[in-house]
Protein backbone atom coordinates (compact mmCIF):
# COMPACT_ATOMS: atom_id res chain seq x y z
CA MET A 1 -6.83 3.68 23.95
CA THR A 2 -5.57 6.13 21.33
CA PRO A 3 -4.02 4.96 18.02
CA MET A 4 -0.72 6.76 19.15
CA ARG A 5 -0.28 4.35 21.96
CA ASN A 6 -0.43 1.34 19.53
CA ILE A 7 2.44 2.87 17.59
CA ASN A 8 4.57 2.99 20.54
CA ARG A 9 4.13 -0.85 20.94
CA ILE A 10 5.71 -1.54 17.48
CA PRO A 11 9.47 -2.43 17.82
CA PRO A 12 11.51 0.50 16.39
CA ILE A 13 13.12 -1.65 13.80
CA VAL A 14 9.83 -2.49 12.20
CA LEU A 15 8.60 0.97 11.37
CA PRO A 16 11.33 1.88 8.76
CA ILE A 17 10.51 -1.33 6.97
CA LEU A 18 6.85 -1.19 7.39
CA SER A 19 6.21 2.38 6.25
CA PRO A 20 7.44 2.10 2.73
CA LEU A 21 5.71 -1.29 2.25
CA ILE A 22 2.47 0.36 3.41
CA ALA A 23 3.09 3.22 0.93
CA ILE A 24 3.87 0.94 -2.04
CA ALA A 25 0.72 -1.11 -1.32
CA SER A 26 -1.39 2.05 -0.94
CA ALA A 27 -0.08 3.33 -4.28
CA LEU A 28 -0.77 0.01 -6.11
CA LEU A 29 -4.18 -0.07 -4.72
CA VAL A 30 -5.08 3.52 -5.79
CA ALA A 31 -3.57 2.82 -9.30
CA ALA A 32 -5.71 -0.25 -9.61
CA ILE A 33 -8.82 1.66 -8.66
CA LEU A 34 -8.03 4.30 -11.26
CA ILE A 35 -7.31 1.64 -13.87
CA LEU A 36 -10.69 0.12 -13.11
CA VAL A 37 -12.30 3.47 -13.42
CA ALA A 38 -10.79 3.80 -16.81
CA GLY A 39 -12.52 0.59 -17.72
CA LYS A 40 -9.35 -1.70 -17.99
CA ASN A 41 -8.13 -4.73 -16.08
CA PRO A 42 -5.71 -3.76 -13.42
CA ILE A 43 -4.32 -7.38 -13.26
CA ALA A 44 -3.46 -7.26 -16.95
CA ALA A 45 -1.84 -3.88 -16.55
CA TYR A 46 0.29 -5.07 -13.63
CA THR A 47 1.26 -8.19 -15.47
CA ALA A 48 2.41 -6.14 -18.35
CA LEU A 49 4.25 -3.85 -16.09
CA PHE A 50 6.10 -6.58 -14.02
């Protein structure tokens, strides 16, 4: 089964909601990795941000 067939099983109303959430989570994860590479604590950084 190809991955495209799995997308067709997701209800149409879910994709517009799920896509931005995945993008935000991915961005936060990449930023956390970059913060770790810089030698800082990402949890402390996100706590200060929010």
